[in-house]
Amino acid sequence: MRRVTIAVLLLAVAGAAEAQTDKAARCAELGALYDRYSGRRGEGSGGPSLDRAGAAMDCQNGKYDQGIKTLENLLRRSAITVPPG
């Protein structure tokens, strides 16, 4: 019984780690998409988006859900299609 419990816990930890990796990849995907198509580049563009910078910080600090939500909102406001994820 003890071996089964340990095996179940190990599977749960592995699943959680995989989910975090997937969310980190989603953050990177959405951030790259926004950076590529947002059109906020060049002289006189007003500088980088503070929302975008905050989303990057959230993703770097493991707050993936918050970062992903912000990036999805930024993409929608910029009329950029959010890819399924």
PDB file of N, CA and C in Angstrom:
ATOM      1  N   MET A   1       0.825  -1.205   0.000  1.00  0.00           N
ATOM      2  CA  MET A   1       0.000   0.000   0.000  1.00  0.00           C
ATOM      3  C   MET A   1       0.862   1.259   0.000  1.00  0.00           C
ATOM      4  N   ARG A   2       1.953   1.203   0.756  1.00  0.00           N
ATOM      5  CA  ARG A   2       2.826   2.372   0.837  1.00  0.00           C
ATOM      6  C   ARG A   2       3.472   2.676  -0.520  1.00  0.00           C
ATOM      7  N   ARG A   3       3.837   1.622  -1.259  1.00  0.00           N
ATOM      8  CA  ARG A   3       4.449   1.809  -2.572  1.00  0.00           C
ATOM      9  C   ARG A   3       3.463   2.454  -3.547  1.00  0.00           C
ATOM     10  N   VAL A   4       2.223   2.066  -3.443  1.00  0.00           N
ATOM     11  CA  VAL A   4       1.196   2.638  -4.318  1.00  0.00           C
ATOM     12  C   VAL A   4       1.033   4.128  -4.019  1.00  0.00           C
ATOM     13  N   THR A   5       1.014   4.474  -2.745  1.00  0.00           N
ATOM     14  CA  THR A   5       0.866   5.868  -2.351  1.00  0.00           C
ATOM     15  C   THR A   5       2.032   6.700  -2.867  1.00  0.00           C
ATOM     16  N   ILE A   6       3.236   6.194  -2.733  1.00  0.00           N
ATOM     17  CA  ILE A   6       4.416   6.906  -3.211  1.00  0.00           C
ATOM     18  C   ILE A   6       4.369   7.056  -4.726  1.00  0.00           C
ATOM     19  N   ALA A   7       3.964   6.004  -5.422  1.00  0.00           N
ATOM     20  CA  ALA A   7       3.875   6.059  -6.884  1.00  0.00           C
ATOM     21  C   ALA A   7       2.850   7.099  -7.327  1.00  0.00           C
ATOM     22  N   VAL A   8       1.724   7.156  -6.648  1.00  0.00           N
ATOM     23  CA  VAL A   8       0.694   8.130  -6.977  1.00  0.00           C
ATOM     24  C   VAL A   8       1.206   9.556  -6.737  1.00  0.00           C
ATOM     25  N   LEU A   9       1.906   9.769  -5.650  1.00  0.00           N
ATOM     26  CA  LEU A   9       2.464  11.092  -5.361  1.00  0.00           C
ATOM     27  C   LEU A   9       3.501  11.500  -6.405  1.00  0.00           C
ATOM     28  N   LEU A  10       4.334  10.568  -6.821  1.00  0.00           N
ATOM     29  CA  LEU A  10       5.332  10.870  -7.840  1.00  0.00           C
ATOM     30  C   LEU A  10       4.677  11.235  -9.171  1.00  0.00           C
ATOM     31  N   LEU A  11       3.625  10.524  -9.522  1.00  0.00           N
ATOM     32  CA  LEU A  11       2.897  10.843 -10.755  1.00  0.00           C
ATOM     33  C   LEU A  11       2.250  12.219 -10.675  1.00  0.00           C
ATOM     34  N   ALA A  12       1.725  12.555  -9.519  1.00  0.00           N
ATOM     35  CA  ALA A  12       1.093  13.861  -9.340  1.00  0.00           C
ATOM     36  C   ALA A  12       2.125  14.980  -9.473  1.00  0.00           C
ATOM     37  N   VAL A  13       3.288  14.799  -8.878  1.00  0.00           N
ATOM     38  CA  VAL A  13       4.349  15.805  -8.965  1.00  0.00           C
ATOM     39  C   VAL A  13       4.819  15.947 -10.409  1.00  0.00           C
ATOM     40  N   ALA A  14       4.996  14.827 -11.100  1.00  0.00           N
ATOM     41  CA  ALA A  14       5.419  14.867 -12.503  1.00  0.00           C
ATOM     42  C   ALA A  14       4.379  15.579 -13.358  1.00  0.00           C
ATOM     43  N   GLY A  15       3.108  15.321 -13.105  1.00  0.00           N
ATOM     44  CA  GLY A  15       2.032  15.978 -13.854  1.00  0.00           C
ATOM     45  C   GLY A  15       2.008  17.472 -13.607  1.00  0.00           C
ATOM     46  N   ALA A  16       2.234  17.878 -12.368  1.00  0.00           N
ATOM     47  CA  ALA A  16       2.250  19.300 -12.030  1.00  0.00           C
ATOM     48  C   ALA A  16       3.433  19.999 -12.700  1.00  0.00           C
ATOM     49  N   ALA A  17       4.583  19.336 -12.722  1.00  0.00           N
ATOM     50  CA  ALA A  17       5.764  19.917 -13.363  1.00  0.00           C
ATOM     51  C   ALA A  17       5.535  20.080 -14.861  1.00  0.00           C
ATOM     52  N   GLU A  18       4.888  19.095 -15.478  1.00  0.00           N
ATOM     53  CA  GLU A  18       4.592  19.172 -16.906  1.00  0.00           C
ATOM     54  C   GLU A  18       3.617  20.307 -17.202  1.00  0.00           C
ATOM     55  N   ALA A  19       2.629  20.486 -16.338  1.00  0.00           N
ATOM     56  CA  ALA A  19       1.655  21.563 -16.516  1.00  0.00           C
ATOM     57  C   ALA A  19       2.343  22.922 -16.424  1.00  0.00           C
ATOM     58  N   GLN A  20       3.288  23.074 -15.495  1.00  0.00           N
ATOM     59  CA  GLN A  20       4.023  24.333 -15.362  1.00  0.00           C
ATOM     60  C   GLN A  20       4.872  24.602 -16.607  1.00  0.00           C
ATOM     61  N   THR A  21       5.472  23.543 -17.148  1.00  0.00           N
ATOM     62  CA  THR A  21       6.272  23.687 -18.362  1.00  0.00           C
ATOM     63  C   THR A  21       5.388  24.117 -19.524  1.00  0.00           C
ATOM     64  N   ASP A  22       4.198  23.525 -19.622  1.00  0.00           N
ATOM     65  CA  ASP A  22       3.258  23.905 -20.677  1.00  0.00           C
ATOM     66  C   ASP A  22       2.839  25.366 -20.542  1.00  0.00           C
ATOM     67  N   LYS A  23       2.602  25.802 -19.318  1.00  0.00           N
ATOM     68  CA  LYS A  23       2.192  27.192 -19.103  1.00  0.00           C
ATOM     69  C   LYS A  23       3.334  28.160 -19.410  1.00  0.00           C
ATOM     70  N   ALA A  24       4.555  27.772 -19.078  1.00  0.00           N
ATOM     71  CA  ALA A  24       5.711  28.618 -19.401  1.00  0.00           C
ATOM     72  C   ALA A  24       5.850  28.752 -20.918  1.00  0.00           C
ATOM     73  N   ALA A  25       5.639  27.653 -21.621  1.00  0.00           N
ATOM     74  CA  ALA A  25       5.714  27.686 -23.085  1.00  0.00           C
ATOM     75  C   ALA A  25       4.601  28.558 -23.664  1.00  0.00           C
ATOM     76  N   ARG A  26       3.427  28.499 -23.062  1.00  0.00           N
ATOM     77  CA  ARG A  26       2.305  29.324 -23.519  1.00  0.00           C
ATOM     78  C   ARG A  26       2.618  30.812 -23.312  1.00  0.00           C
ATOM     79  N   CYS A  27       3.205  31.146 -22.172  1.00  0.00           N
ATOM     80  CA  CYS A  27       3.613  32.529 -21.915  1.00  0.00           C
ATOM     81  C   CYS A  27       4.581  32.997 -23.000  1.00  0.00           C
ATOM     82  N   ALA A  28       5.560  32.180 -23.305  1.00  0.00           N
ATOM     83  CA  ALA A  28       6.563  32.540 -24.308  1.00  0.00           C
ATOM     84  C   ALA A  28       5.918  32.703 -25.684  1.00  0.00           C
ATOM     85  N   GLU A  29       5.015  31.794 -26.022  1.00  0.00           N
ATOM     86  CA  GLU A  29       4.339  31.847 -27.322  1.00  0.00           C
ATOM     87  C   GLU A  29       3.537  33.138 -27.474  1.00  0.00           C
ATOM     88  N   LEU A  30       2.732  33.454 -26.468  1.00  0.00           N
ATOM     89  CA  LEU A  30       1.887  34.644 -26.544  1.00  0.00           C
ATOM     90  C   LEU A  30       2.714  35.928 -26.514  1.00  0.00           C
ATOM     91  N   GLY A  31       3.756  35.936 -25.690  1.00  0.00           N
ATOM     92  CA  GLY A  31       4.622  37.107 -25.621  1.00  0.00           C
ATOM     93  C   GLY A  31       5.319  37.369 -26.947  1.00  0.00           C
ATOM     94  N   ALA A  32       5.816  36.320 -27.572  1.00  0.00           N
ATOM     95  CA  ALA A  32       6.483  36.470 -28.872  1.00  0.00           C
ATOM     96  C   ALA A  32       5.502  36.953 -29.937  1.00  0.00           C
ATOM     97  N   LEU A  33       4.289  36.429 -29.888  1.00  0.00           N
ATOM     98  CA  LEU A  33       3.261  36.839 -30.848  1.00  0.00           C
ATOM     99  C   LEU A  33       2.933  38.315 -30.676  1.00  0.00           C
ATOM    100  N   TYR A  34       2.763  38.748 -29.453  1.00  0.00           N
ATOM    101  CA  TYR A  34       2.468  40.155 -29.193  1.00  0.00           C
ATOM    102  C   TYR A  34       3.633  41.037 -29.646  1.00  0.00           C
ATOM    103  N   ASP A  35       4.844  40.632 -29.296  1.00  0.00           N
ATOM    104  CA  ASP A  35       6.014  41.425 -29.668  1.00  0.00           C
ATOM    105  C   ASP A  35       6.148  41.545 -31.186  1.00  0.00           C
ATOM    106  N   ARG A  36       5.808  40.496 -31.884  1.00  0.00           N
ATOM    107  CA  ARG A  36       5.961  40.492 -33.338  1.00  0.00           C
ATOM    108  C   ARG A  36       4.916  41.353 -34.053  1.00  0.00           C
ATOM    109  N   TYR A  37       3.684  41.289 -33.576  1.00  0.00           N
ATOM    110  CA  TYR A  37       2.592  41.908 -34.333  1.00  0.00           C
ATOM    111  C   TYR A  37       1.942  43.131 -33.687  1.00  0.00           C
ATOM    112  N   SER A  38       2.389  43.527 -32.529  1.00  0.00           N
ATOM    113  CA  SER A  38       1.694  44.621 -31.846  1.00  0.00           C
ATOM    114  C   SER A  38       1.921  45.969 -32.518  1.00  0.00           C
ATOM    115  N   GLY A  39       2.991  46.115 -33.296  1.00  0.00           N
ATOM    116  CA  GLY A  39       3.235  47.366 -33.996  1.00  0.00           C
ATOM    117  C   GLY A  39       3.775  48.473 -33.123  1.00  0.00           C
ATOM    118  N   ARG A  40       4.171  48.177 -31.910  1.00  0.00           N
ATOM    119  CA  ARG A  40       4.692  49.197 -31.001  1.00  0.00           C
ATOM    120  C   ARG A  40       6.219  49.182 -31.033  1.00  0.00           C
ATOM    121  N   ARG A  41       6.776  49.534 -32.171  1.00  0.00           N
ATOM    122  CA  ARG A  41       8.223  49.556 -32.301  1.00  0.00           C
ATOM    123  C   ARG A  41       8.647  50.827 -32.994  1.00  0.00           C
ATOM    124  N   GLY A  42       9.903  51.122 -32.843  1.00  0.00           N
ATOM    125  CA  GLY A  42      10.460  52.238 -33.592  1.00  0.00           C
ATOM    126  C   GLY A  42      10.362  53.559 -32.850  1.00  0.00           C
ATOM    127  N   GLU A  43      10.929  54.550 -33.466  1.00  0.00           N
ATOM    128  CA  GLU A  43      10.977  55.877 -32.888  1.00  0.00           C
ATOM    129  C   GLU A  43       9.573  56.458 -32.746  1.00  0.00           C
ATOM    130  N   GLY A  44       9.304  57.037 -31.595  1.00  0.00           N
ATOM    131  CA  GLY A  44       8.018  57.663 -31.362  1.00  0.00           C
ATOM    132  C   GLY A  44       6.897  56.692 -31.042  1.00  0.00           C
ATOM    133  N   SER A  45       7.228  55.440 -30.774  1.00  0.00           N
ATOM    134  CA  SER A  45       6.184  54.461 -30.511  1.00  0.00           C
ATOM    135  C   SER A  45       5.632  54.552 -29.100  1.00  0.00           C
ATOM    136  N   GLY A  46       6.276  55.347 -28.265  1.00  0.00           N
ATOM    137  CA  GLY A  46       5.786  55.482 -26.904  1.00  0.00           C
ATOM    138  C   GLY A  46       6.425  54.508 -25.940  1.00  0.00           C
ATOM    139  N   GLY A  47       7.335  53.705 -26.415  1.00  0.00           N
ATOM    140  CA  GLY A  47       8.035  52.760 -25.553  1.00  0.00           C
ATOM    141  C   GLY A  47       7.271  51.472 -25.381  1.00  0.00           C
ATOM    142  N   PRO A  48       7.864  50.581 -24.609  1.00  0.00           N
ATOM    143  CA  PRO A  48       7.234  49.274 -24.434  1.00  0.00           C
ATOM    144  C   PRO A  48       5.965  49.363 -23.590  1.00  0.00           C
ATOM    145  N   SER A  49       5.082  48.425 -23.809  1.00  0.00           N
ATOM    146  CA  SER A  49       3.841  48.359 -23.046  1.00  0.00           C
ATOM    147  C   SER A  49       4.137  47.924 -21.614  1.00  0.00           C
ATOM    148  N   LEU A  50       3.639  48.688 -20.662  1.00  0.00           N
ATOM    149  CA  LEU A  50       3.835  48.308 -19.259  1.00  0.00           C
ATOM    150  C   LEU A  50       3.073  47.033 -18.933  1.00  0.00           C
ATOM    151  N   ASP A  51       1.915  46.838 -19.580  1.00  0.00           N
ATOM    152  CA  ASP A  51       1.177  45.596 -19.372  1.00  0.00           C
ATOM    153  C   ASP A  51       1.986  44.404 -19.878  1.00  0.00           C
ATOM    154  N   ARG A  52       2.642  44.599 -21.027  1.00  0.00           N
ATOM    155  CA  ARG A  52       3.469  43.523 -21.598  1.00  0.00           C
ATOM    156  C   ARG A  52       4.638  43.213 -20.665  1.00  0.00           C
ATOM    157  N   ALA A  53       5.274  44.242 -20.150  1.00  0.00           N
ATOM    158  CA  ALA A  53       6.393  44.053 -19.228  1.00  0.00           C
ATOM    159  C   ALA A  53       5.928  43.346 -17.951  1.00  0.00           C
ATOM    160  N   GLY A  54       4.758  43.722 -17.458  1.00  0.00           N
ATOM    161  CA  GLY A  54       4.211  43.068 -16.265  1.00  0.00           C
ATOM    162  C   GLY A  54       3.894  41.605 -16.510  1.00  0.00           C
ATOM    163  N   ALA A  55       3.357  41.303 -17.691  1.00  0.00           N
ATOM    164  CA  ALA A  55       3.056  39.906 -18.037  1.00  0.00           C
ATOM    165  C   ALA A  55       4.337  39.091 -18.108  1.00  0.00           C
ATOM    166  N   ALA A  56       5.398  39.679 -18.664  1.00  0.00           N
ATOM    167  CA  ALA A  56       6.685  38.980 -18.728  1.00  0.00           C
ATOM    168  C   ALA A  56       7.212  38.684 -17.332  1.00  0.00           C
ATOM    169  N   MET A  57       7.069  39.653 -16.442  1.00  0.00           N
ATOM    170  CA  MET A  57       7.519  39.444 -15.058  1.00  0.00           C
ATOM    171  C   MET A  57       6.687  38.362 -14.368  1.00  0.00           C
ATOM    172  N   ASP A  58       5.375  38.382 -14.602  1.00  0.00           N
ATOM    173  CA  ASP A  58       4.523  37.352 -14.015  1.00  0.00           C
ATOM    174  C   ASP A  58       4.972  35.961 -14.473  1.00  0.00           C
ATOM    175  N   CYS A  59       5.213  35.832 -15.767  1.00  0.00           N
ATOM    176  CA  CYS A  59       5.626  34.534 -16.306  1.00  0.00           C
ATOM    177  C   CYS A  59       6.979  34.108 -15.733  1.00  0.00           C
ATOM    178  N   GLN A  60       7.907  35.043 -15.629  1.00  0.00           N
ATOM    179  CA  GLN A  60       9.224  34.732 -15.078  1.00  0.00           C
ATOM    180  C   GLN A  60       9.143  34.317 -13.616  1.00  0.00           C
ATOM    181  N   ASN A  61       8.168  34.836 -12.898  1.00  0.00           N
ATOM    182  CA  ASN A  61       8.027  34.538 -11.471  1.00  0.00           C
ATOM    183  C   ASN A  61       7.080  33.375 -11.197  1.00  0.00           C
ATOM    184  N   GLY A  62       6.688  32.661 -12.252  1.00  0.00           N
ATOM    185  CA  GLY A  62       5.843  31.483 -12.069  1.00  0.00           C
ATOM    186  C   GLY A  62       4.369  31.780 -11.931  1.00  0.00           C
ATOM    187  N   LYS A  63       3.968  33.009 -12.135  1.00  0.00           N
ATOM    188  CA  LYS A  63       2.545  33.374 -12.081  1.00  0.00           C
ATOM    189  C   LYS A  63       1.973  33.261 -13.493  1.00  0.00           C
ATOM    190  N   TYR A  64       2.024  32.041 -14.027  1.00  0.00           N
ATOM    191  CA  TYR A  64       1.704  31.803 -15.433  1.00  0.00           C
ATOM    192  C   TYR A  64       0.268  32.175 -15.784  1.00  0.00           C
ATOM    193  N   ASP A  65      -0.682  31.795 -14.948  1.00  0.00           N
ATOM    194  CA  ASP A  65      -2.085  32.082 -15.268  1.00  0.00           C
ATOM    195  C   ASP A  65      -2.325  33.580 -15.409  1.00  0.00           C
ATOM    196  N   GLN A  66      -1.753  34.360 -14.517  1.00  0.00           N
ATOM    197  CA  GLN A  66      -1.908  35.813 -14.562  1.00  0.00           C
ATOM    198  C   GLN A  66      -1.230  36.387 -15.807  1.00  0.00           C
ATOM    199  N   GLY A  67      -0.012  35.932 -16.098  1.00  0.00           N
ATOM    200  CA  GLY A  67       0.707  36.407 -17.275  1.00  0.00           C
ATOM    201  C   GLY A  67      -0.008  36.054 -18.572  1.00  0.00           C
ATOM    202  N   ILE A  68      -0.518  34.825 -18.644  1.00  0.00           N
ATOM    203  CA  ILE A  68      -1.230  34.377 -19.843  1.00  0.00           C
ATOM    204  C   ILE A  68      -2.496  35.199 -20.059  1.00  0.00           C
ATOM    205  N   LYS A  69      -3.228  35.442 -18.981  1.00  0.00           N
ATOM    206  CA  LYS A  69      -4.463  36.237 -19.091  1.00  0.00           C
ATOM    207  C   LYS A  69      -4.154  37.638 -19.612  1.00  0.00           C
ATOM    208  N   THR A  70      -3.108  38.266 -19.080  1.00  0.00           N
ATOM    209  CA  THR A  70      -2.734  39.610 -19.525  1.00  0.00           C
ATOM    210  C   THR A  70      -2.319  39.601 -20.989  1.00  0.00           C
ATOM    211  N   LEU A  71      -1.519  38.630 -21.382  1.00  0.00           N
ATOM    212  CA  LEU A  71      -1.068  38.561 -22.773  1.00  0.00           C
ATOM    213  C   LEU A  71      -2.234  38.322 -23.726  1.00  0.00           C
ATOM    214  N   GLU A  72      -3.157  37.449 -23.347  1.00  0.00           N
ATOM    215  CA  GLU A  72      -4.332  37.210 -24.194  1.00  0.00           C
ATOM    216  C   GLU A  72      -5.151  38.490 -24.349  1.00  0.00           C
ATOM    217  N   ASN A  73      -5.315  39.240 -23.267  1.00  0.00           N
ATOM    218  CA  ASN A  73      -6.052  40.510 -23.338  1.00  0.00           C
ATOM    219  C   ASN A  73      -5.328  41.525 -24.222  1.00  0.00           C
ATOM    220  N   LEU A  74      -3.998  41.594 -24.100  1.00  0.00           N
ATOM    221  CA  LEU A  74      -3.228  42.504 -24.944  1.00  0.00           C
ATOM    222  C   LEU A  74      -3.383  42.151 -26.418  1.00  0.00           C
ATOM    223  N   LEU A  75      -3.331  40.873 -26.723  1.00  0.00           N
ATOM    224  CA  LEU A  75      -3.487  40.443 -28.112  1.00  0.00           C
ATOM    225  C   LEU A  75      -4.863  40.826 -28.647  1.00  0.00           C
ATOM    226  N   ARG A  76      -5.885  40.570 -27.865  1.00  0.00           N
ATOM    227  CA  ARG A  76      -7.259  40.912 -28.310  1.00  0.00           C
ATOM    228  C   ARG A  76      -7.408  42.407 -28.529  1.00  0.00           C
ATOM    229  N   ARG A  77      -6.875  43.210 -27.608  1.00  0.00           N
ATOM    230  CA  ARG A  77      -6.973  44.677 -27.749  1.00  0.00           C
ATOM    231  C   ARG A  77      -6.218  45.169 -28.972  1.00  0.00           C
ATOM    232  N   SER A  78      -5.202  44.428 -29.389  1.00  0.00           N
ATOM    233  CA  SER A  78      -4.428  44.799 -30.574  1.00  0.00           C
ATOM    234  C   SER A  78      -4.966  44.155 -31.832  1.00  0.00           C
ATOM    235  N   ALA A  79      -6.142  43.526 -31.723  1.00  0.00           N
ATOM    236  CA  ALA A  79      -6.791  42.850 -32.858  1.00  0.00           C
ATOM    237  C   ALA A  79      -5.912  41.743 -33.445  1.00  0.00           C
ATOM    238  N   ILE A  80      -5.202  41.041 -32.563  1.00  0.00           N
ATOM    239  CA  ILE A  80      -4.376  39.903 -32.957  1.00  0.00           C
ATOM    240  C   ILE A  80      -5.074  38.652 -32.467  1.00  0.00           C
ATOM    241  N   THR A  81      -5.261  37.706 -33.358  1.00  0.00           N
ATOM    242  CA  THR A  81      -5.955  36.469 -33.008  1.00  0.00           C
ATOM    243  C   THR A  81      -5.136  35.675 -31.990  1.00  0.00           C
ATOM    244  N   VAL A  82      -5.788  35.298 -30.906  1.00  0.00           N
ATOM    245  CA  VAL A  82      -5.141  34.485 -29.877  1.00  0.00           C
ATOM    246  C   VAL A  82      -5.185  33.029 -30.333  1.00  0.00           C
ATOM    247  N   PRO A  83      -4.021  32.387 -30.455  1.00  0.00           N
ATOM    248  CA  PRO A  83      -4.020  30.997 -30.886  1.00  0.00           C
ATOM    249  C   PRO A  83      -4.608  30.092 -29.811  1.00  0.00           C
ATOM    250  N   PRO A  84      -5.213  28.996 -30.214  1.00  0.00           N
ATOM    251  CA  PRO A  84      -5.763  28.075 -29.215  1.00  0.00           C
ATOM    252  C   PRO A  84      -4.658  27.525 -28.337  1.00  0.00           C
ATOM    253  N   GLY A  85      -4.999  27.292 -27.124  1.00  0.00           N
ATOM    254  CA  GLY A  85      -3.953  26.781 -26.236  1.00  0.00           C
ATOM    255  C   GLY A  85      -4.522  26.009 -25.153  1.00  0.00           C
TER     256      GLY A  85
END
